[in-house]
Amino acid sequence: MRLKRPWRGERDDDAALLRAVARGDTEALGVFHDRHAGWLHVRLSRRCGDPEMVREVMQDTFVAVWRSAASHRGGDAGGWLWVIAARRLVDARRAAARQERVVHEPAGSAPSAEDRVLAGLEYGDVGAALQRISPELREVLRATVVDGLTTRETARLLGIPEGTVKTRAMRARRELRAALQGPAWGGNA
């Protein structure tokens, strides 16, 4: 499994691969999977700490690629793939929330370092400050900062122009900075 995004020449080949997948070529799907599974797994793992859910979302994503390759209209196949994966992750989280059960952890278990950091983001000062900014700005920050997406990928994921992503990211950082410097945190604002 490869971790890097494909270089430019490979991206040009992705459109040809997807056309072959649309015609039912399983070998082309295998090549497309090998080319993209590494970076996609890393990005999904950044968004979801549950490895089993990530595996399921990966599988669902490539099944969706198999079924809907004909819907790819050119452009960056990686961005198209990420939109599918992100939507599958949202669906998986919703399904998990519907099936929410009380799970008793063994007495000796402790949260992972990643879980502690993410909990700090959600429930600490930064989490509280994030709740004070608008959802539109918050989702841009999550995609660009937490998920590490490029401006182009964020635009595609959120269905907004790249310029809007840049503007919202700038406004989000400014509002987050102001929220963190506000009276609740002992700042000067």
N, C-alpha and C. Protein backbone atom coordinates (compact mmCIF):
# COMPACT_ATOMS: atom_id res chain seq x y z
N MET A 1 0.85 -1.17 0.00
CA MET A 1 0.00 0.00 0.00
C MET A 1 0.89 1.23 0.00
N ARG A 2 0.66 2.14 -0.93
CA ARG A 2 1.48 3.33 -1.09
C ARG A 2 0.91 4.48 -0.27
N LEU A 3 1.78 5.27 0.36
CA LEU A 3 1.31 6.34 1.23
C LEU A 3 1.24 7.69 0.53
N LYS A 4 2.00 7.91 -0.53
CA LYS A 4 2.02 9.21 -1.19
C LYS A 4 0.91 9.34 -2.21
N ARG A 5 0.53 10.59 -2.44
CA ARG A 5 -0.39 10.88 -3.53
C ARG A 5 0.36 10.63 -4.84
N PRO A 6 -0.34 10.25 -5.90
CA PRO A 6 0.34 9.98 -7.17
C PRO A 6 0.93 11.25 -7.77
N TRP A 7 2.01 11.07 -8.51
CA TRP A 7 2.59 12.21 -9.20
C TRP A 7 1.75 12.53 -10.42
N ARG A 8 2.00 13.66 -11.02
CA ARG A 8 1.15 14.22 -12.08
C ARG A 8 0.86 13.22 -13.21
N GLY A 9 1.88 12.52 -13.69
CA GLY A 9 1.66 11.59 -14.78
C GLY A 9 0.69 10.48 -14.42
N GLU A 10 0.76 10.03 -13.17
CA GLU A 10 -0.17 9.00 -12.72
C GLU A 10 -1.58 9.53 -12.62
N ARG A 11 -1.72 10.80 -12.20
CA ARG A 11 -3.06 11.38 -12.11
C ARG A 11 -3.71 11.43 -13.48
N ASP A 12 -2.92 11.69 -14.51
CA ASP A 12 -3.46 11.69 -15.86
C ASP A 12 -3.95 10.29 -16.22
N ASP A 13 -3.24 9.27 -15.74
CA ASP A 13 -3.64 7.89 -16.01
C ASP A 13 -4.87 7.48 -15.22
N ASP A 14 -5.15 8.16 -14.11
CA ASP A 14 -6.31 7.80 -13.30
C ASP A 14 -7.61 7.87 -14.09
N ALA A 15 -7.75 8.86 -14.93
CA ALA A 15 -8.97 8.99 -15.73
C ALA A 15 -9.12 7.77 -16.64
N ALA A 16 -8.01 7.33 -17.24
CA ALA A 16 -8.07 6.13 -18.09
C ALA A 16 -8.40 4.90 -17.26
N LEU A 17 -7.81 4.81 -16.07
CA LEU A 17 -8.12 3.68 -15.19
C LEU A 17 -9.60 3.66 -14.82
N LEU A 18 -10.15 4.82 -14.50
CA LEU A 18 -11.56 4.87 -14.12
C LEU A 18 -12.48 4.54 -15.29
N ARG A 19 -12.08 4.93 -16.49
CA ARG A 19 -12.88 4.54 -17.66
C ARG A 19 -12.86 3.02 -17.82
N ALA A 20 -11.69 2.40 -17.57
CA ALA A 20 -11.58 0.94 -17.66
C ALA A 20 -12.40 0.27 -16.55
N VAL A 21 -12.37 0.84 -15.35
CA VAL A 21 -13.17 0.30 -14.24
C VAL A 21 -14.65 0.37 -14.61
N ALA A 22 -15.07 1.47 -15.22
CA ALA A 22 -16.47 1.64 -15.62
C ALA A 22 -16.88 0.56 -16.62
N ARG A 23 -15.91 0.07 -17.40
CA ARG A 23 -16.19 -1.00 -18.35
C ARG A 23 -16.11 -2.39 -17.71
N GLY A 24 -15.82 -2.43 -16.39
CA GLY A 24 -15.79 -3.70 -15.68
C GLY A 24 -14.41 -4.33 -15.56
N ASP A 25 -13.35 -3.57 -15.76
CA ASP A 25 -11.98 -4.08 -15.70
C ASP A 25 -11.51 -4.14 -14.24
N THR A 26 -11.50 -5.36 -13.67
CA THR A 26 -11.10 -5.53 -12.27
C THR A 26 -9.61 -5.25 -12.06
N GLU A 27 -8.80 -5.51 -13.08
CA GLU A 27 -7.37 -5.23 -12.95
C GLU A 27 -7.13 -3.71 -12.82
N ALA A 28 -7.88 -2.94 -13.57
CA ALA A 28 -7.76 -1.48 -13.48
C ALA A 28 -8.17 -1.00 -12.09
N LEU A 29 -9.20 -1.61 -11.51
CA LEU A 29 -9.60 -1.26 -10.15
C LEU A 29 -8.47 -1.58 -9.17
N GLY A 30 -7.81 -2.71 -9.36
CA GLY A 30 -6.69 -3.08 -8.50
C GLY A 30 -5.56 -2.06 -8.58
N VAL A 31 -5.24 -1.62 -9.78
CA VAL A 31 -4.18 -0.62 -9.95
C VAL A 31 -4.60 0.70 -9.30
N PHE A 32 -5.85 1.09 -9.52
CA PHE A 32 -6.36 2.33 -8.91
C PHE A 32 -6.31 2.22 -7.39
N HIS A 33 -6.71 1.09 -6.86
CA HIS A 33 -6.67 0.86 -5.41
C HIS A 33 -5.24 0.95 -4.89
N ASP A 34 -4.31 0.26 -5.53
CA ASP A 34 -2.92 0.28 -5.09
C ASP A 34 -2.35 1.69 -5.12
N ARG A 35 -2.76 2.46 -6.08
CA ARG A 35 -2.25 3.81 -6.25
C ARG A 35 -2.77 4.76 -5.18
N HIS A 36 -4.00 4.54 -4.69
CA HIS A 36 -4.63 5.51 -3.80
C HIS A 36 -4.90 5.03 -2.38
N ALA A 37 -4.87 3.74 -2.14
CA ALA A 37 -5.27 3.22 -0.83
C ALA A 37 -4.40 3.73 0.31
N GLY A 38 -3.12 3.90 0.08
CA GLY A 38 -2.22 4.33 1.16
C GLY A 38 -2.56 5.69 1.72
N TRP A 39 -2.59 6.69 0.85
CA TRP A 39 -2.87 8.05 1.33
C TRP A 39 -4.31 8.16 1.83
N LEU A 40 -5.23 7.42 1.20
CA LEU A 40 -6.62 7.48 1.63
C LEU A 40 -6.76 6.90 3.04
N HIS A 41 -6.08 5.81 3.30
CA HIS A 41 -6.13 5.20 4.63
C HIS A 41 -5.58 6.16 5.69
N VAL A 42 -4.49 6.84 5.37
CA VAL A 42 -3.91 7.79 6.31
C VAL A 42 -4.89 8.92 6.60
N ARG A 43 -5.51 9.46 5.58
CA ARG A 43 -6.44 10.57 5.78
C ARG A 43 -7.68 10.15 6.56
N LEU A 44 -8.20 8.97 6.25
CA LEU A 44 -9.36 8.48 7.00
C LEU A 44 -8.99 8.23 8.46
N SER A 45 -7.80 7.71 8.67
CA SER A 45 -7.35 7.44 10.04
C SER A 45 -7.19 8.72 10.84
N ARG A 46 -6.83 9.81 10.18
CA ARG A 46 -6.73 11.10 10.86
C ARG A 46 -8.09 11.57 11.33
N ARG A 47 -9.10 11.22 10.57
CA ARG A 47 -10.46 11.66 10.90
C ARG A 47 -11.18 10.72 11.82
N CYS A 48 -10.75 9.47 11.87
CA CYS A 48 -11.46 8.46 12.65
C CYS A 48 -10.44 7.59 13.37
N GLY A 49 -10.57 7.51 14.67
CA GLY A 49 -9.63 6.73 15.47
C GLY A 49 -9.97 5.25 15.54
N ASP A 50 -11.05 4.83 14.92
CA ASP A 50 -11.46 3.43 14.99
C ASP A 50 -10.94 2.69 13.74
N PRO A 51 -9.89 1.87 13.91
CA PRO A 51 -9.30 1.19 12.75
C PRO A 51 -10.29 0.29 12.01
N GLU A 52 -11.20 -0.33 12.73
CA GLU A 52 -12.18 -1.19 12.07
C GLU A 52 -13.12 -0.37 11.19
N MET A 53 -13.55 0.78 11.70
CA MET A 53 -14.41 1.65 10.90
C MET A 53 -13.66 2.14 9.66
N VAL A 54 -12.39 2.47 9.82
CA VAL A 54 -11.58 2.93 8.69
C VAL A 54 -11.50 1.82 7.63
N ARG A 55 -11.27 0.58 8.07
CA ARG A 55 -11.21 -0.54 7.11
C ARG A 55 -12.53 -0.69 6.36
N GLU A 56 -13.64 -0.61 7.10
CA GLU A 56 -14.96 -0.73 6.47
C GLU A 56 -15.20 0.40 5.47
N VAL A 57 -14.83 1.61 5.87
CA VAL A 57 -15.02 2.77 4.98
C VAL A 57 -14.16 2.62 3.74
N MET A 58 -12.92 2.15 3.91
CA MET A 58 -12.05 1.92 2.75
C MET A 58 -12.72 0.94 1.78
N GLN A 59 -13.22 -0.18 2.33
CA GLN A 59 -13.86 -1.18 1.48
C GLN A 59 -15.09 -0.60 0.79
N ASP A 60 -15.94 0.08 1.55
CA ASP A 60 -17.13 0.69 0.96
C ASP A 60 -16.78 1.71 -0.12
N THR A 61 -15.69 2.44 0.10
CA THR A 61 -15.26 3.45 -0.86
C THR A 61 -14.88 2.81 -2.19
N PHE A 62 -14.09 1.75 -2.15
CA PHE A 62 -13.66 1.14 -3.40
C PHE A 62 -14.78 0.33 -4.06
N VAL A 63 -15.74 -0.14 -3.27
CA VAL A 63 -16.94 -0.74 -3.87
C VAL A 63 -17.71 0.34 -4.61
N ALA A 64 -17.79 1.53 -4.00
CA ALA A 64 -18.48 2.65 -4.65
C ALA A 64 -17.75 3.07 -5.92
N VAL A 65 -16.42 3.04 -5.90
CA VAL A 65 -15.65 3.36 -7.11
C VAL A 65 -16.00 2.35 -8.20
N TRP A 66 -16.07 1.08 -7.85
CA TRP A 66 -16.41 0.03 -8.81
C TRP A 66 -17.78 0.30 -9.43
N ARG A 67 -18.72 0.68 -8.58
CA ARG A 67 -20.10 0.88 -9.05
C ARG A 67 -20.30 2.20 -9.78
N SER A 68 -19.51 3.21 -9.43
CA SER A 68 -19.81 4.54 -9.98
C SER A 68 -18.65 5.17 -10.73
N ALA A 69 -17.71 4.37 -11.21
CA ALA A 69 -16.56 4.92 -11.94
C ALA A 69 -17.00 5.75 -13.14
N ALA A 70 -18.10 5.37 -13.74
CA ALA A 70 -18.59 6.11 -14.91
C ALA A 70 -19.02 7.53 -14.56
N SER A 71 -19.26 7.79 -13.27
CA SER A 71 -19.69 9.14 -12.87
C SER A 71 -18.52 10.11 -12.75
N HIS A 72 -17.29 9.60 -12.81
CA HIS A 72 -16.13 10.49 -12.75
C HIS A 72 -16.09 11.32 -14.02
N ARG A 73 -16.06 12.62 -13.87
CA ARG A 73 -16.14 13.53 -15.01
C ARG A 73 -14.81 14.18 -15.34
N GLY A 74 -13.72 13.50 -15.04
CA GLY A 74 -12.41 14.09 -15.28
C GLY A 74 -11.97 14.85 -14.04
N GLY A 75 -10.90 15.57 -14.16
CA GLY A 75 -10.39 16.29 -13.00
C GLY A 75 -9.59 15.36 -12.10
N ASP A 76 -9.33 15.81 -10.91
CA ASP A 76 -8.50 15.08 -9.96
C ASP A 76 -9.24 13.88 -9.40
N ALA A 77 -8.80 12.69 -9.75
CA ALA A 77 -9.44 11.47 -9.28
C ALA A 77 -9.27 11.32 -7.78
N GLY A 78 -8.16 11.82 -7.24
CA GLY A 78 -7.94 11.76 -5.80
C GLY A 78 -8.98 12.57 -5.04
N GLY A 79 -9.31 13.74 -5.53
CA GLY A 79 -10.34 14.56 -4.91
C GLY A 79 -11.70 13.89 -4.98
N TRP A 80 -12.00 13.31 -6.14
CA TRP A 80 -13.25 12.58 -6.33
C TRP A 80 -13.32 11.41 -5.36
N LEU A 81 -12.22 10.68 -5.23
CA LEU A 81 -12.16 9.53 -4.33
C LEU A 81 -12.33 9.99 -2.88
N TRP A 82 -11.69 11.10 -2.50
CA TRP A 82 -11.79 11.59 -1.13
C TRP A 82 -13.22 11.99 -0.79
N VAL A 83 -13.94 12.59 -1.72
CA VAL A 83 -15.33 12.96 -1.47
C VAL A 83 -16.15 11.70 -1.19
N ILE A 84 -15.94 10.66 -1.97
CA ILE A 84 -16.65 9.39 -1.74
C ILE A 84 -16.31 8.86 -0.35
N ALA A 85 -15.03 8.81 -0.02
CA ALA A 85 -14.59 8.27 1.27
C ALA A 85 -15.12 9.09 2.43
N ALA A 86 -15.06 10.41 2.32
CA ALA A 86 -15.55 11.26 3.41
C ALA A 86 -17.04 11.06 3.63
N ARG A 87 -17.78 10.92 2.57
CA ARG A 87 -19.22 10.68 2.72
C ARG A 87 -19.49 9.31 3.33
N ARG A 88 -18.71 8.31 2.93
CA ARG A 88 -18.85 6.97 3.51
C ARG A 88 -18.52 7.00 5.01
N LEU A 89 -17.53 7.80 5.39
CA LEU A 89 -17.17 7.92 6.81
C LEU A 89 -18.31 8.57 7.59
N VAL A 90 -18.89 9.60 7.05
CA VAL A 90 -20.04 10.24 7.71
C VAL A 90 -21.17 9.22 7.88
N ASP A 91 -21.45 8.46 6.83
CA ASP A 91 -22.49 7.43 6.90
C ASP A 91 -22.18 6.39 7.96
N ALA A 92 -20.92 5.96 8.03
CA ALA A 92 -20.51 4.95 9.02
C ALA A 92 -20.67 5.49 10.43
N ARG A 93 -20.30 6.75 10.63
CA ARG A 93 -20.44 7.34 11.97
C ARG A 93 -21.91 7.46 12.36
N ARG A 94 -22.74 7.84 11.41
CA ARG A 94 -24.17 7.93 11.71
C ARG A 94 -24.73 6.56 12.07
N ALA A 95 -24.34 5.54 11.32
CA ALA A 95 -24.81 4.18 11.61
C ALA A 95 -24.34 3.72 12.98
N ALA A 96 -23.10 4.04 13.32
CA ALA A 96 -22.56 3.66 14.63
C ALA A 96 -23.31 4.39 15.75
N ALA A 97 -23.66 5.65 15.51
CA ALA A 97 -24.39 6.42 16.52
C ALA A 97 -25.78 5.83 16.74
N ARG A 98 -26.41 5.36 15.68
CA ARG A 98 -27.74 4.75 15.80
C ARG A 98 -27.66 3.46 16.61
N GLN A 99 -26.56 2.76 16.49
CA GLN A 99 -26.40 1.48 17.19
C GLN A 99 -25.66 1.64 18.52
N GLU A 100 -25.57 2.88 18.97
CA GLU A 100 -24.80 3.17 20.17
C GLU A 100 -25.26 2.28 21.33
N ARG A 101 -24.30 1.60 21.89
CA ARG A 101 -24.56 0.75 23.05
C ARG A 101 -23.59 1.14 24.14
N VAL A 102 -23.97 0.87 25.36
CA VAL A 102 -23.07 1.12 26.46
C VAL A 102 -22.03 0.01 26.46
N VAL A 103 -20.78 0.42 26.34
CA VAL A 103 -19.68 -0.54 26.32
C VAL A 103 -18.85 -0.29 27.58
N HIS A 104 -18.67 -1.32 28.36
CA HIS A 104 -17.86 -1.20 29.57
C HIS A 104 -16.44 -1.59 29.25
N GLU A 105 -15.54 -0.64 29.43
CA GLU A 105 -14.13 -0.91 29.16
C GLU A 105 -13.53 -1.61 30.35
N PRO A 106 -12.54 -2.47 30.12
CA PRO A 106 -11.84 -3.09 31.24
C PRO A 106 -11.20 -2.02 32.12
N ALA A 107 -11.12 -2.29 33.40
CA ALA A 107 -10.63 -1.31 34.36
C ALA A 107 -9.24 -0.80 34.03
N GLY A 108 -8.38 -1.62 33.44
CA GLY A 108 -7.00 -1.23 33.18
C GLY A 108 -6.79 -0.48 31.86
N SER A 109 -7.84 -0.27 31.07
CA SER A 109 -7.62 0.37 29.78
C SER A 109 -7.53 1.88 29.92
N ALA A 110 -6.71 2.47 29.10
CA ALA A 110 -6.54 3.93 29.11
C ALA A 110 -6.65 4.43 27.69
N PRO A 111 -7.11 5.67 27.52
CA PRO A 111 -7.22 6.21 26.15
C PRO A 111 -5.83 6.35 25.52
N SER A 112 -5.81 6.19 24.20
CA SER A 112 -4.55 6.34 23.48
C SER A 112 -4.12 7.80 23.49
N ALA A 113 -2.87 8.04 23.16
CA ALA A 113 -2.36 9.41 23.10
C ALA A 113 -3.16 10.23 22.09
N GLU A 114 -3.48 9.61 20.95
CA GLU A 114 -4.25 10.32 19.93
C GLU A 114 -5.63 10.70 20.46
N ASP A 115 -6.28 9.76 21.19
CA ASP A 115 -7.59 10.06 21.76
C ASP A 115 -7.52 11.21 22.76
N ARG A 116 -6.44 11.25 23.55
CA ARG A 116 -6.29 12.33 24.53
C ARG A 116 -6.12 13.68 23.81
N VAL A 117 -5.32 13.69 22.73
CA VAL A 117 -5.12 14.94 21.99
C VAL A 117 -6.43 15.39 21.35
N LEU A 118 -7.15 14.45 20.71
CA LEU A 118 -8.41 14.82 20.07
C LEU A 118 -9.44 15.26 21.10
N ALA A 119 -9.45 14.63 22.28
CA ALA A 119 -10.36 15.06 23.34
C ALA A 119 -10.01 16.48 23.77
N GLY A 120 -8.72 16.79 23.83
CA GLY A 120 -8.30 18.15 24.16
C GLY A 120 -8.78 19.14 23.13
N LEU A 121 -8.76 18.72 21.85
CA LEU A 121 -9.25 19.61 20.80
C LEU A 121 -10.75 19.81 20.93
N GLU A 122 -11.47 18.72 21.28
CA GLU A 122 -12.92 18.82 21.35
C GLU A 122 -13.40 19.47 22.64
N TYR A 123 -12.74 19.15 23.75
CA TYR A 123 -13.28 19.58 25.03
C TYR A 123 -12.42 20.61 25.76
N GLY A 124 -11.24 20.87 25.30
CA GLY A 124 -10.37 21.84 25.94
C GLY A 124 -10.66 23.24 25.46
N ASP A 125 -9.70 24.13 25.70
CA ASP A 125 -9.86 25.53 25.31
C ASP A 125 -10.09 25.68 23.81
N VAL A 126 -9.34 24.91 23.02
CA VAL A 126 -9.48 25.01 21.57
C VAL A 126 -10.87 24.54 21.15
N GLY A 127 -11.34 23.44 21.76
CA GLY A 127 -12.67 22.93 21.43
C GLY A 127 -13.76 23.94 21.75
N ALA A 128 -13.63 24.59 22.92
CA ALA A 128 -14.60 25.60 23.29
C ALA A 128 -14.55 26.78 22.32
N ALA A 129 -13.34 27.17 21.94
CA ALA A 129 -13.19 28.28 20.98
C ALA A 129 -13.76 27.89 19.62
N LEU A 130 -13.54 26.64 19.21
CA LEU A 130 -14.08 26.18 17.93
C LEU A 130 -15.61 26.24 17.92
N GLN A 131 -16.22 25.96 19.06
CA GLN A 131 -17.68 26.00 19.14
C GLN A 131 -18.22 27.42 19.01
N ARG A 132 -17.36 28.41 19.23
CA ARG A 132 -17.78 29.80 19.17
C ARG A 132 -17.75 30.36 17.75
N ILE A 133 -17.12 29.65 16.80
CA ILE A 133 -17.10 30.13 15.42
C ILE A 133 -18.17 29.39 14.62
N SER A 134 -18.53 29.94 13.49
CA SER A 134 -19.64 29.38 12.70
C SER A 134 -19.28 27.99 12.17
N PRO A 135 -20.30 27.16 11.94
CA PRO A 135 -20.06 25.80 11.43
C PRO A 135 -19.34 25.80 10.08
N GLU A 136 -19.62 26.79 9.22
CA GLU A 136 -18.96 26.85 7.92
C GLU A 136 -17.46 27.05 8.07
N LEU A 137 -17.08 27.91 8.99
CA LEU A 137 -15.65 28.15 9.23
C LEU A 137 -15.01 26.94 9.91
N ARG A 138 -15.74 26.34 10.83
CA ARG A 138 -15.24 25.18 11.56
C ARG A 138 -14.97 24.00 10.63
N GLU A 139 -15.86 23.77 9.65
CA GLU A 139 -15.65 22.64 8.75
C GLU A 139 -14.45 22.85 7.82
N VAL A 140 -14.19 24.09 7.45
CA VAL A 140 -13.00 24.39 6.64
C VAL A 140 -11.74 24.13 7.46
N LEU A 141 -11.73 24.58 8.72
CA LEU A 141 -10.57 24.32 9.59
C LEU A 141 -10.36 22.83 9.79
N ARG A 142 -11.42 22.10 10.02
CA ARG A 142 -11.29 20.66 10.23
C ARG A 142 -10.68 19.99 9.00
N ALA A 143 -11.17 20.36 7.82
CA ALA A 143 -10.66 19.73 6.60
C ALA A 143 -9.20 20.10 6.32
N THR A 144 -8.86 21.38 6.50
CA THR A 144 -7.51 21.82 6.14
C THR A 144 -6.48 21.55 7.23
N VAL A 145 -6.86 21.73 8.49
CA VAL A 145 -5.89 21.58 9.58
C VAL A 145 -5.88 20.17 10.13
N VAL A 146 -7.03 19.67 10.54
CA VAL A 146 -7.08 18.34 11.16
C VAL A 146 -6.85 17.25 10.13
N ASP A 147 -7.52 17.36 8.98
CA ASP A 147 -7.40 16.32 7.96
C ASP A 147 -6.23 16.54 7.02
N GLY A 148 -5.66 17.73 7.02
CA GLY A 148 -4.51 18.00 6.18
C GLY A 148 -4.81 18.07 4.70
N LEU A 149 -6.03 18.43 4.34
CA LEU A 149 -6.40 18.51 2.93
C LEU A 149 -5.87 19.80 2.31
N THR A 150 -5.65 19.75 1.02
CA THR A 150 -5.26 20.94 0.28
C THR A 150 -6.50 21.81 0.08
N THR A 151 -6.28 23.02 -0.38
CA THR A 151 -7.39 23.92 -0.66
C THR A 151 -8.31 23.30 -1.71
N ARG A 152 -7.72 22.74 -2.76
CA ARG A 152 -8.51 22.13 -3.83
C ARG A 152 -9.35 20.96 -3.30
N GLU A 153 -8.74 20.09 -2.49
CA GLU A 153 -9.45 18.94 -1.95
C GLU A 153 -10.57 19.38 -1.01
N THR A 154 -10.30 20.39 -0.21
CA THR A 154 -11.31 20.92 0.71
C THR A 154 -12.48 21.49 -0.10
N ALA A 155 -12.17 22.23 -1.14
CA ALA A 155 -13.23 22.81 -1.98
C ALA A 155 -14.11 21.71 -2.57
N ARG A 156 -13.47 20.67 -3.05
CA ARG A 156 -14.23 19.57 -3.66
C ARG A 156 -15.07 18.85 -2.62
N LEU A 157 -14.48 18.60 -1.44
CA LEU A 157 -15.19 17.91 -0.37
C LEU A 157 -16.41 18.70 0.08
N LEU A 158 -16.25 20.00 0.25
CA LEU A 158 -17.33 20.83 0.77
C LEU A 158 -18.25 21.39 -0.31
N GLY A 159 -17.86 21.23 -1.57
CA GLY A 159 -18.69 21.72 -2.67
C GLY A 159 -18.71 23.24 -2.78
N ILE A 160 -17.57 23.86 -2.49
CA ILE A 160 -17.46 25.32 -2.57
C ILE A 160 -16.23 25.68 -3.39
N PRO A 161 -16.16 26.91 -3.93
CA PRO A 161 -15.00 27.32 -4.71
C PRO A 161 -13.73 27.40 -3.85
N GLU A 162 -12.58 27.23 -4.50
CA GLU A 162 -11.29 27.29 -3.79
C GLU A 162 -11.10 28.64 -3.10
N GLY A 163 -11.49 29.72 -3.76
CA GLY A 163 -11.36 31.04 -3.15
C GLY A 163 -12.17 31.16 -1.87
N THR A 164 -13.33 30.53 -1.84
CA THR A 164 -14.15 30.54 -0.63
C THR A 164 -13.47 29.77 0.49
N VAL A 165 -12.81 28.66 0.15
CA VAL A 165 -12.06 27.90 1.16
C VAL A 165 -10.98 28.79 1.77
N LYS A 166 -10.23 29.50 0.91
CA LYS A 166 -9.15 30.36 1.41
C LYS A 166 -9.70 31.47 2.31
N THR A 167 -10.79 32.08 1.88
CA THR A 167 -11.39 33.16 2.66
C THR A 167 -11.90 32.64 4.00
N ARG A 168 -12.60 31.51 3.97
CA ARG A 168 -13.13 30.95 5.22
C ARG A 168 -12.00 30.52 6.15
N ALA A 169 -10.93 29.96 5.59
CA ALA A 169 -9.80 29.55 6.43
C ALA A 169 -9.18 30.76 7.11
N MET A 170 -9.03 31.86 6.38
CA MET A 170 -8.46 33.08 6.96
C MET A 170 -9.39 33.61 8.06
N ARG A 171 -10.69 33.68 7.77
CA ARG A 171 -11.65 34.17 8.77
C ARG A 171 -11.70 33.25 9.98
N ALA A 172 -11.64 31.95 9.74
CA ALA A 172 -11.70 30.98 10.84
C ALA A 172 -10.50 31.14 11.77
N ARG A 173 -9.32 31.29 11.20
CA ARG A 173 -8.13 31.47 12.03
C ARG A 173 -8.21 32.77 12.84
N ARG A 174 -8.69 33.82 12.19
CA ARG A 174 -8.81 35.11 12.87
C ARG A 174 -9.82 35.00 14.02
N GLU A 175 -10.98 34.39 13.76
CA GLU A 175 -12.01 34.27 14.80
C GLU A 175 -11.56 33.31 15.91
N LEU A 176 -10.86 32.25 15.54
CA LEU A 176 -10.36 31.30 16.55
C LEU A 176 -9.32 31.99 17.44
N ARG A 177 -8.44 32.77 16.82
CA ARG A 177 -7.44 33.51 17.60
C ARG A 177 -8.12 34.47 18.56
N ALA A 178 -9.13 35.18 18.07
CA ALA A 178 -9.85 36.12 18.93
C ALA A 178 -10.57 35.38 20.06
N ALA A 179 -11.17 34.25 19.74
CA ALA A 179 -11.88 33.47 20.77
C ALA A 179 -10.93 32.97 21.84
N LEU A 180 -9.73 32.58 21.43
CA LEU A 180 -8.74 32.08 22.40
C LEU A 180 -8.12 33.21 23.22
N GLN A 181 -8.17 34.43 22.72
CA GLN A 181 -7.61 35.56 23.45
C GLN A 181 -8.67 36.31 24.24
N GLY A 182 -9.92 35.83 24.15
CA GLY A 182 -11.02 36.51 24.83
C GLY A 182 -10.92 36.42 26.34
N PRO A 183 -11.84 37.10 27.04
CA PRO A 183 -11.83 37.17 28.50
C PRO A 183 -11.89 35.81 29.18
N ALA A 184 -12.57 34.84 28.57
CA ALA A 184 -12.68 33.52 29.19
C ALA A 184 -11.32 32.85 29.35
N TRP A 185 -10.33 33.27 28.54
CA TRP A 185 -9.01 32.66 28.60
C TRP A 185 -7.97 33.63 29.16
N GLY A 186 -8.42 34.73 29.69
CA GLY A 186 -7.49 35.67 30.30
C GLY A 186 -6.69 36.49 29.32
N GLY A 187 -7.18 36.61 28.10
CA GLY A 187 -6.46 37.37 27.07
C GLY A 187 -6.77 38.85 27.18
N ASN A 188 -6.27 39.59 26.22
CA ASN A 188 -6.42 41.04 26.23
C ASN A 188 -7.66 41.53 25.50
N ALA A 189 -8.31 40.69 24.74
CA ALA A 189 -9.38 41.14 23.86
C ALA A 189 -10.59 41.63 24.58
